[in-house]
Amino acid sequence: MRSTLKLVHFIGLSAFLGSIAVYIVVSSVCPPGDLAALATGRALIRTGTLFITVPGLWALLVSGAALAARLPAAPRWLKLKLGLVALIALNTHLAIVPATGRALDLAQASVRAQALDPAYRAAYLTESGCGAVNVLLFLAVIALSVFRPSLSLAKGNLPAMDAR
């Protein structure tokens, strides 16, 4: 069972991170002013978000939680890691997924109007900004996974209080 969960975890990680890398490339290679290419790129990003990124994120979260649940006592760093991944999931569902839909709709409307809709920029910036937040949160998750800090509280005090 543990091996299967680890495999699902790795597949989820690969789908989540790999798809984000593709979206960055797609966004950066779209020729400026080419509305058809913009709409095509946005359709790829929207479809990939719904069918690769989000399922990969959920596979990562569920398998990670299942692996953690198998431990007799989950260390604090692991609980923090799960909390950060839950924040990534919330940010994805509440901000990024809706923004990818708005950006796609506005890009397609721009093709029909033959002019970029001014509202497109706001949707794109929301998606990009929230995506950057996810990347930073994910880097924190990786750091917790690699360094596994104890996060222990000596005598109930915060670590900064012990320095006094």
Protein backbone atom coordinates (compact mmCIF):
# COMPACT_ATOMS: atom_id res chain seq x y z
CA MET A 1 0.00 0.00 0.00
CA ARG A 2 2.80 2.42 0.91
CA SER A 3 4.50 1.80 -2.46
CA THR A 4 1.27 2.52 -4.32
CA LEU A 5 0.73 5.75 -2.35
CA LYS A 6 4.30 6.84 -3.08
CA LEU A 7 3.75 6.14 -6.79
CA VAL A 8 0.52 8.17 -6.81
CA HIS A 9 2.34 10.94 -4.91
CA PHE A 10 5.13 11.01 -7.48
CA ILE A 11 2.68 11.00 -10.41
CA GLY A 12 0.71 13.84 -8.80
CA LEU A 13 3.91 15.81 -8.23
CA SER A 14 5.01 15.27 -11.84
CA ALA A 15 1.62 16.28 -13.26
CA PHE A 16 1.37 19.35 -11.03
CA LEU A 17 4.88 20.72 -11.56
CA GLY A 18 5.25 19.56 -15.16
CA SER A 19 2.03 21.21 -16.26
CA ILE A 20 2.99 24.51 -14.61
CA ALA A 21 6.31 24.49 -16.48
CA VAL A 22 4.42 23.99 -19.76
CA TYR A 23 2.08 26.91 -19.01
CA ILE A 24 5.04 29.20 -18.36
CA VAL A 25 6.54 28.26 -21.72
CA VAL A 26 3.21 28.60 -23.57
CA SER A 27 2.67 32.06 -22.07
CA SER A 28 6.17 33.22 -22.94
CA VAL A 29 6.29 32.03 -26.58
CA CYS A 30 2.97 33.55 -27.68
CA PRO A 31 3.82 36.30 -30.22
CA PRO A 32 2.72 39.75 -29.02
CA GLY A 33 -0.38 40.95 -30.85
CA ASP A 34 -1.29 37.52 -32.23
CA LEU A 35 -4.78 37.14 -30.77
CA ALA A 36 -5.38 33.72 -32.34
CA ALA A 37 -2.18 32.36 -30.79
CA LEU A 38 -3.15 33.95 -27.47
CA ALA A 39 -6.57 32.28 -27.53
CA THR A 40 -5.02 28.94 -28.50
CA GLY A 41 -2.47 29.21 -25.69
CA ARG A 42 -5.17 30.17 -23.20
CA ALA A 43 -7.28 27.17 -24.30
CA LEU A 44 -4.28 24.87 -23.73
CA ILE A 45 -3.64 26.39 -20.30
CA ARG A 46 -7.30 26.19 -19.27
CA THR A 47 -7.69 22.59 -20.42
CA GLY A 48 -4.41 21.55 -18.84
CA THR A 49 -5.30 23.27 -15.57
CA LEU A 50 -8.61 21.41 -15.36
CA PHE A 51 -7.41 18.00 -16.51
CA ILE A 52 -3.73 17.80 -15.46
CA THR A 53 -2.78 20.41 -12.85
CA VAL A 54 -5.81 20.18 -10.55
CA PRO A 55 -6.02 16.35 -10.60
CA GLY A 56 -2.25 16.20 -10.04
CA LEU A 57 -2.58 18.54 -7.08
CA TRP A 58 -5.36 16.42 -5.57
CA ALA A 59 -3.39 13.21 -6.15
CA LEU A 60 -0.46 14.86 -4.38
CA LEU A 61 -2.59 16.09 -1.47
CA VAL A 62 -4.62 12.92 -0.93
CA SER A 63 -1.67 10.54 -1.26
CA GLY A 64 0.46 12.75 1.01
CA ALA A 65 -2.28 12.85 3.63
CA ALA A 66 -2.69 9.07 3.36
CA LEU A 67 1.05 8.54 3.77
CA ALA A 68 1.07 10.87 6.78
CA ALA A 69 -1.91 9.08 8.32
CA ARG A 70 0.04 5.83 8.27
CA LEU A 71 2.62 7.29 10.68
CA PRO A 72 2.14 6.69 14.42
CA ALA A 73 2.63 10.42 15.08
CA ALA A 74 3.07 12.97 12.31
CA PRO A 75 5.89 15.42 13.04
CA ARG A 76 5.11 19.15 13.04
CA TRP A 77 7.00 19.79 9.81
CA LEU A 78 4.77 17.25 8.06
CA LYS A 79 1.60 18.83 9.44
CA LEU A 80 2.85 22.23 8.25
CA LYS A 81 3.64 20.73 4.85
CA LEU A 82 0.11 19.33 4.53
CA GLY A 83 -1.30 22.70 5.58
CA LEU A 84 0.73 24.50 2.92
CA VAL A 85 -0.43 22.06 0.24
CA ALA A 86 -4.02 22.65 1.39
CA LEU A 87 -3.41 26.42 0.96
CA ILE A 88 -2.10 25.73 -2.54
CA ALA A 89 -5.28 23.78 -3.29
CA LEU A 90 -7.47 26.61 -1.98
CA ASN A 91 -5.56 29.23 -3.95
CA THR A 92 -5.82 27.07 -7.05
CA HIS A 93 -9.56 26.48 -6.75
CA LEU A 94 -10.58 29.93 -5.54
CA ALA A 95 -8.32 32.12 -7.67
CA ILE A 96 -6.37 30.37 -10.41
CA VAL A 97 -9.07 28.12 -11.90
CA PRO A 98 -11.59 30.99 -12.22
CA ALA A 99 -8.89 33.30 -13.62
CA THR A 100 -7.91 30.77 -16.31
CA GLY A 101 -11.57 30.61 -17.36
CA ARG A 102 -11.88 34.41 -17.48
CA ALA A 103 -8.61 34.74 -19.40
CA LEU A 104 -9.73 32.16 -21.95
CA ASP A 105 -13.16 33.76 -22.40
CA LEU A 106 -11.60 37.22 -22.83
CA ALA A 107 -8.93 35.92 -25.23
CA GLN A 108 -11.59 34.27 -27.39
CA ALA A 109 -13.74 37.43 -27.28
CA SER A 110 -10.67 39.42 -28.32
CA VAL A 111 -10.25 37.23 -31.41
CA ARG A 112 -13.87 37.89 -32.38
CA ALA A 113 -13.50 41.65 -31.73
CA GLN A 114 -10.03 41.72 -33.36
CA ALA A 115 -8.73 43.74 -30.41
CA LEU A 116 -7.44 42.66 -27.03
CA ASP A 117 -10.10 43.15 -24.37
CA PRO A 118 -8.70 45.47 -21.65
CA ALA A 119 -10.09 43.15 -18.95
CA TYR A 120 -7.83 40.33 -20.20
CA ARG A 121 -4.80 41.82 -18.44
CA ALA A 122 -6.52 41.68 -15.02
CA ALA A 123 -7.47 38.02 -15.47
CA TYR A 124 -3.97 37.17 -16.68
CA LEU A 125 -2.34 39.03 -13.77
CA THR A 126 -4.63 37.32 -11.26
CA GLU A 127 -3.69 33.92 -12.65
CA SER A 128 0.02 34.79 -12.82
CA GLY A 129 0.16 36.39 -9.37
CA CYS A 130 -1.71 33.57 -7.66
CA GLY A 131 0.39 31.08 -9.60
CA ALA A 132 3.54 32.76 -8.29
CA VAL A 133 2.16 32.49 -4.75
CA ASN A 134 1.62 28.76 -5.35
CA VAL A 135 5.18 28.36 -6.59
CA LEU A 136 6.53 30.10 -3.47
CA LEU A 137 4.34 27.95 -1.22
CA PHE A 138 5.50 24.87 -3.10
CA LEU A 139 9.15 25.88 -2.60
CA ALA A 140 8.41 26.06 1.14
CA VAL A 141 6.87 22.57 0.93
CA ILE A 142 10.02 21.30 -0.79
CA ALA A 143 12.23 22.94 1.85
CA LEU A 144 10.19 21.28 4.62
CA SER A 145 10.46 17.94 2.83
CA VAL A 146 14.21 18.19 2.39
CA PHE A 147 15.27 19.74 5.71
CA ARG A 148 12.52 18.34 7.98
CA PRO A 149 13.02 20.90 10.76
CA SER A 150 12.02 19.84 14.25
CA LEU A 151 9.78 22.89 14.82
CA SER A 152 9.80 22.00 18.50
CA LEU A 153 8.83 24.55 21.08
CA ALA A 154 11.11 24.54 24.10
CA LYS A 155 9.20 25.01 27.40
CA GLY A 156 6.16 26.27 25.49
CA ASN A 157 8.00 29.38 24.29
CA LEU A 158 8.44 30.49 20.74
CA PRO A 159 12.00 29.98 19.44
CA ALA A 160 12.57 33.76 19.33
CA MET A 161 11.73 34.00 23.03
CA ASP A 162 14.50 31.57 23.95
CA ALA A 163 17.14 33.93 22.52
CA ARG A 164 16.48 36.51 25.26
